[in-house]
Amino acid sequence: MKTTKLITLSVLIGTYSFATAQEAPPTAPERPKRELPAAIIAKFDKDGDGKLSADEETAMRTEMKAASEARRAEMLKKYDTNGDGKLDETERTALMAEMEAKRKALLDKYDANKDGKLDPEEVKAARDAGEQVPMGRGPGGPSGKGPRKGGPGGEGPPPAPPAE
């Protein structure tokens, strides 16, 4: 009888352990790596292998960060009318109005199928013509769905500093 109870208890514990065992928590799905434009690869691919090594990618990111900071300084210089080093609500409104006008002008000129957004082919045509088209397909990018919050990794303006 004692042996039967021990076996039953062991089976129950084993079953319980098996039933409650959890697999490793699922990780976030890996985003597909976005293909870099050929012009970027050509500019930073120093060894000519057609792809960016870790060092080449670091150089690219460093240059892009510097360009982003320069754009931010330029925006502050242009829109910070009170000279306090940040954009207040009125200054941000002026910035957003100009961004919207630029977005609309891009759509008017390059939205060949008139669907209200720039498809990859239309973005390529705009860039080939020398236009600065924000990267990404999210709000404010070429999709035309509203203001974009740029910053590191984007070609749009960085987010406006918080108003105080």
C-alpha atoms as a PDB file:
ATOM      1  CA  MET A   1       0.000   0.000   0.000  1.00  0.00           C
ATOM      2  CA  LYS A   2       2.801   2.354   0.896  1.00  0.00           C
ATOM      3  CA  THR A   3       4.528   1.626  -2.398  1.00  0.00           C
ATOM      4  CA  THR A   4       1.320   2.319  -4.332  1.00  0.00           C
ATOM      5  CA  LYS A   5       0.921   5.680  -2.594  1.00  0.00           C
ATOM      6  CA  LEU A   6       4.535   6.603  -3.356  1.00  0.00           C
ATOM      7  CA  ILE A   7       4.178   5.629  -7.003  1.00  0.00           C
ATOM      8  CA  THR A   8       0.895   7.525  -7.283  1.00  0.00           C
ATOM      9  CA  LEU A   9       2.416  10.567  -5.596  1.00  0.00           C
ATOM     10  CA  SER A  10       5.454  10.399  -7.887  1.00  0.00           C
ATOM     11  CA  VAL A  11       3.259  10.158 -10.981  1.00  0.00           C
ATOM     12  CA  LEU A  12       1.141  13.094  -9.798  1.00  0.00           C
ATOM     13  CA  ILE A  13       4.218  15.235  -9.099  1.00  0.00           C
ATOM     14  CA  GLY A  14       5.724  14.295 -12.440  1.00  0.00           C
ATOM     15  CA  THR A  15       2.486  15.066 -14.260  1.00  0.00           C
ATOM     16  CA  TYR A  16       2.119  18.365 -12.430  1.00  0.00           C
ATOM     17  CA  SER A  17       5.732  19.296 -13.177  1.00  0.00           C
ATOM     18  CA  PHE A  18       5.281  18.411 -16.824  1.00  0.00           C
ATOM     19  CA  ALA A  19       2.000  20.312 -17.077  1.00  0.00           C
ATOM     20  CA  THR A  20       3.376  23.460 -15.483  1.00  0.00           C
ATOM     21  CA  ALA A  21       6.729  23.420 -17.231  1.00  0.00           C
ATOM     22  CA  GLN A  22       6.978  26.456 -19.432  1.00  0.00           C
ATOM     23  CA  GLU A  23       8.988  26.933 -22.486  1.00  0.00           C
ATOM     24  CA  ALA A  24      11.299  29.891 -22.588  1.00  0.00           C
ATOM     25  CA  PRO A  25       9.218  33.027 -22.901  1.00  0.00           C
ATOM     26  CA  PRO A  26       8.741  33.932 -26.524  1.00  0.00           C
ATOM     27  CA  THR A  27      11.069  36.619 -27.693  1.00  0.00           C
ATOM     28  CA  ALA A  28       9.884  39.524 -29.743  1.00  0.00           C
ATOM     29  CA  PRO A  29       9.728  38.561 -33.384  1.00  0.00           C
ATOM     30  CA  GLU A  30      12.904  39.569 -35.124  1.00  0.00           C
ATOM     31  CA  ARG A  31      12.247  42.446 -37.449  1.00  0.00           C
ATOM     32  CA  PRO A  32      13.486  41.907 -40.945  1.00  0.00           C
ATOM     33  CA  LYS A  33      16.632  43.890 -41.507  1.00  0.00           C
ATOM     34  CA  ARG A  34      15.867  46.829 -43.738  1.00  0.00           C
ATOM     35  CA  GLU A  35      17.970  46.993 -46.860  1.00  0.00           C
ATOM     36  CA  LEU A  36      20.196  50.053 -46.962  1.00  0.00           C
ATOM     37  CA  PRO A  37      19.985  52.291 -50.009  1.00  0.00           C
ATOM     38  CA  ALA A  38      22.738  51.639 -52.535  1.00  0.00           C
ATOM     39  CA  ALA A  39      24.038  55.199 -52.120  1.00  0.00           C
ATOM     40  CA  ILE A  40      24.616  54.606 -48.389  1.00  0.00           C
ATOM     41  CA  ILE A  41      26.421  51.334 -49.030  1.00  0.00           C
ATOM     42  CA  ALA A  42      28.554  52.938 -51.732  1.00  0.00           C
ATOM     43  CA  LYS A  43      29.473  55.806 -49.413  1.00  0.00           C
ATOM     44  CA  PHE A  44      30.450  53.728 -46.364  1.00  0.00           C
ATOM     45  CA  ASP A  45      31.548  50.370 -47.852  1.00  0.00           C
ATOM     46  CA  LYS A  46      35.300  50.989 -47.707  1.00  0.00           C
ATOM     47  CA  ASP A  47      36.355  47.404 -48.464  1.00  0.00           C
ATOM     48  CA  GLY A  48      34.040  47.134 -51.485  1.00  0.00           C
ATOM     49  CA  ASP A  49      32.346  43.869 -50.472  1.00  0.00           C
ATOM     50  CA  GLY A  50      28.839  45.235 -51.056  1.00  0.00           C
ATOM     51  CA  LYS A  51      27.845  45.250 -47.399  1.00  0.00           C
ATOM     52  CA  LEU A  52      28.734  47.192 -44.281  1.00  0.00           C
ATOM     53  CA  SER A  53      31.055  45.644 -41.721  1.00  0.00           C
ATOM     54  CA  ALA A  54      30.673  46.538 -38.052  1.00  0.00           C
ATOM     55  CA  ASP A  55      33.289  49.310 -38.391  1.00  0.00           C
ATOM     56  CA  GLU A  56      31.680  50.681 -41.548  1.00  0.00           C
ATOM     57  CA  GLU A  57      28.255  50.613 -39.894  1.00  0.00           C
ATOM     58  CA  THR A  58      29.662  52.445 -36.856  1.00  0.00           C
ATOM     59  CA  ALA A  59      31.103  55.125 -39.155  1.00  0.00           C
ATOM     60  CA  MET A  60      27.721  55.421 -40.903  1.00  0.00           C
ATOM     61  CA  ARG A  61      25.846  55.761 -37.608  1.00  0.00           C
ATOM     62  CA  THR A  62      28.335  58.344 -36.322  1.00  0.00           C
ATOM     63  CA  GLU A  63      27.936  60.454 -39.456  1.00  0.00           C
ATOM     64  CA  MET A  64      24.143  60.112 -39.408  1.00  0.00           C
ATOM     65  CA  LYS A  65      24.024  61.134 -35.747  1.00  0.00           C
ATOM     66  CA  ALA A  66      26.147  64.203 -36.488  1.00  0.00           C
ATOM     67  CA  ALA A  67      23.848  65.082 -39.398  1.00  0.00           C
ATOM     68  CA  SER A  68      20.805  64.649 -37.149  1.00  0.00           C
ATOM     69  CA  GLU A  69      22.313  66.941 -34.526  1.00  0.00           C
ATOM     70  CA  ALA A  70      23.113  69.494 -37.227  1.00  0.00           C
ATOM     71  CA  ARG A  71      19.482  69.350 -38.455  1.00  0.00           C
ATOM     72  CA  ARG A  72      18.284  69.832 -34.880  1.00  0.00           C
ATOM     73  CA  ALA A  73      20.543  72.864 -34.408  1.00  0.00           C
ATOM     74  CA  GLU A  74      19.341  74.256 -37.743  1.00  0.00           C
ATOM     75  CA  MET A  75      15.710  73.778 -36.714  1.00  0.00           C
ATOM     76  CA  LEU A  76      16.287  75.497 -33.399  1.00  0.00           C
ATOM     77  CA  LYS A  77      18.009  78.375 -35.164  1.00  0.00           C
ATOM     78  CA  LYS A  78      15.108  78.715 -37.595  1.00  0.00           C
ATOM     79  CA  TYR A  79      12.110  78.134 -35.313  1.00  0.00           C
ATOM     80  CA  ASP A  80      13.252  79.094 -31.803  1.00  0.00           C
ATOM     81  CA  THR A  81      12.027  82.657 -32.150  1.00  0.00           C
ATOM     82  CA  ASN A  82      12.327  83.499 -28.451  1.00  0.00           C
ATOM     83  CA  GLY A  83      15.896  82.118 -28.258  1.00  0.00           C
ATOM     84  CA  ASP A  84      15.352  79.930 -25.180  1.00  0.00           C
ATOM     85  CA  GLY A  85      16.978  76.848 -26.758  1.00  0.00           C
ATOM     86  CA  LYS A  86      13.778  74.833 -27.066  1.00  0.00           C
ATOM     87  CA  LEU A  87      10.591  74.911 -29.085  1.00  0.00           C
ATOM     88  CA  ASP A  88       7.451  76.046 -27.321  1.00  0.00           C
ATOM     89  CA  GLU A  89       3.954  75.235 -28.591  1.00  0.00           C
ATOM     90  CA  THR A  90       3.823  78.159 -31.029  1.00  0.00           C
ATOM     91  CA  GLU A  91       7.256  77.387 -32.434  1.00  0.00           C
ATOM     92  CA  ARG A  92       6.389  73.679 -32.796  1.00  0.00           C
ATOM     93  CA  THR A  93       3.177  74.634 -34.595  1.00  0.00           C
ATOM     94  CA  ALA A  94       5.185  76.673 -37.124  1.00  0.00           C
ATOM     95  CA  LEU A  95       7.591  73.759 -37.621  1.00  0.00           C
ATOM     96  CA  MET A  96       4.749  71.282 -38.094  1.00  0.00           C
ATOM     97  CA  ALA A  97       2.990  73.572 -40.583  1.00  0.00           C
ATOM     98  CA  GLU A  98       6.133  73.761 -42.708  1.00  0.00           C
ATOM     99  CA  MET A  99       6.662  69.983 -42.495  1.00  0.00           C
ATOM    100  CA  GLU A 100       3.067  69.408 -43.571  1.00  0.00           C
ATOM    101  CA  ALA A 101       3.509  71.771 -46.511  1.00  0.00           C
ATOM    102  CA  LYS A 102       6.662  69.886 -47.586  1.00  0.00           C
ATOM    103  CA  ARG A 103       4.866  66.537 -47.224  1.00  0.00           C
ATOM    104  CA  LYS A 104       1.958  67.794 -49.308  1.00  0.00           C
ATOM    105  CA  ALA A 105       4.318  69.125 -51.983  1.00  0.00           C
ATOM    106  CA  LEU A 106       6.049  65.718 -52.183  1.00  0.00           C
ATOM    107  CA  LEU A 107       2.707  63.957 -52.505  1.00  0.00           C
ATOM    108  CA  ASP A 108       1.482  66.392 -55.157  1.00  0.00           C
ATOM    109  CA  LYS A 109       4.644  65.921 -57.188  1.00  0.00           C
ATOM    110  CA  TYR A 110       5.469  62.201 -56.738  1.00  0.00           C
ATOM    111  CA  ASP A 111       2.258  60.359 -55.773  1.00  0.00           C
ATOM    112  CA  ALA A 112       1.741  58.972 -59.265  1.00  0.00           C
ATOM    113  CA  ASN A 113      -1.185  56.703 -58.372  1.00  0.00           C
ATOM    114  CA  LYS A 114      -2.824  59.401 -56.206  1.00  0.00           C
ATOM    115  CA  ASP A 115      -3.427  57.063 -53.261  1.00  0.00           C
ATOM    116  CA  GLY A 116      -2.320  59.655 -50.705  1.00  0.00           C
ATOM    117  CA  LYS A 117       1.009  58.008 -49.888  1.00  0.00           C
ATOM    118  CA  LEU A 118       4.337  57.409 -51.537  1.00  0.00           C
ATOM    119  CA  ASP A 119       4.903  53.816 -52.531  1.00  0.00           C
ATOM    120  CA  PRO A 120       8.502  52.524 -52.633  1.00  0.00           C
ATOM    121  CA  GLU A 121       8.770  53.269 -56.356  1.00  0.00           C
ATOM    122  CA  GLU A 122       7.494  56.810 -55.809  1.00  0.00           C
ATOM    123  CA  VAL A 123       9.931  57.334 -52.924  1.00  0.00           C
ATOM    124  CA  LYS A 124      12.757  56.130 -55.175  1.00  0.00           C
ATOM    125  CA  ALA A 125      11.695  58.557 -57.920  1.00  0.00           C
ATOM    126  CA  ALA A 126      11.652  61.432 -55.418  1.00  0.00           C
ATOM    127  CA  ARG A 127      15.060  60.533 -54.003  1.00  0.00           C
ATOM    128  CA  ASP A 128      16.503  60.052 -57.501  1.00  0.00           C
ATOM    129  CA  ALA A 129      15.306  63.601 -58.235  1.00  0.00           C
ATOM    130  CA  GLY A 130      17.278  64.833 -55.218  1.00  0.00           C
ATOM    131  CA  GLU A 131      14.354  65.239 -52.820  1.00  0.00           C
ATOM    132  CA  GLN A 132      14.825  64.559 -49.130  1.00  0.00           C
ATOM    133  CA  VAL A 133      12.128  62.044 -48.307  1.00  0.00           C
ATOM    134  CA  PRO A 134      11.792  60.932 -44.670  1.00  0.00           C
ATOM    135  CA  MET A 135      12.648  57.303 -44.113  1.00  0.00           C
ATOM    136  CA  GLY A 136       9.976  54.921 -42.953  1.00  0.00           C
ATOM    137  CA  ARG A 137       6.378  54.398 -43.828  1.00  0.00           C
ATOM    138  CA  GLY A 138       4.893  55.538 -40.528  1.00  0.00           C
ATOM    139  CA  PRO A 139       3.078  58.738 -39.691  1.00  0.00           C
ATOM    140  CA  GLY A 140       4.616  61.723 -41.392  1.00  0.00           C
ATOM    141  CA  GLY A 141       6.869  59.629 -43.550  1.00  0.00           C
ATOM    142  CA  PRO A 142       6.072  59.171 -47.197  1.00  0.00           C
ATOM    143  CA  SER A 143       2.746  57.601 -46.256  1.00  0.00           C
ATOM    144  CA  GLY A 144       1.272  60.984 -45.460  1.00  0.00           C
ATOM    145  CA  LYS A 145      -0.464  59.944 -42.255  1.00  0.00           C
ATOM    146  CA  GLY A 146       0.559  62.852 -40.052  1.00  0.00           C
ATOM    147  CA  PRO A 147       3.578  64.259 -38.279  1.00  0.00           C
ATOM    148  CA  ARG A 148       6.609  62.062 -37.853  1.00  0.00           C
ATOM    149  CA  LYS A 149       8.772  61.867 -34.812  1.00  0.00           C
ATOM    150  CA  GLY A 150      12.284  61.437 -36.135  1.00  0.00           C
ATOM    151  CA  GLY A 151      15.492  61.141 -34.234  1.00  0.00           C
ATOM    152  CA  PRO A 152      18.225  58.544 -34.256  1.00  0.00           C
ATOM    153  CA  GLY A 153      18.061  56.401 -37.324  1.00  0.00           C
ATOM    154  CA  GLY A 154      15.553  58.571 -39.142  1.00  0.00           C
ATOM    155  CA  GLU A 155      15.974  61.269 -41.699  1.00  0.00           C
ATOM    156  CA  GLY A 156      13.171  63.390 -40.381  1.00  0.00           C
ATOM    157  CA  PRO A 157      13.657  66.139 -37.881  1.00  0.00           C
ATOM    158  CA  PRO A 158      14.328  65.045 -34.335  1.00  0.00           C
ATOM    159  CA  PRO A 159      11.503  65.311 -31.845  1.00  0.00           C
ATOM    160  CA  ALA A 160      10.915  68.810 -30.584  1.00  0.00           C
ATOM    161  CA  PRO A 161      12.253  69.489 -27.099  1.00  0.00           C
ATOM    162  CA  PRO A 162       9.545  69.485 -24.434  1.00  0.00           C
ATOM    163  CA  ALA A 163       7.949  72.835 -23.708  1.00  0.00           C
ATOM    164  CA  GLU A 164       8.433  74.152 -20.217  1.00  0.00           C
END
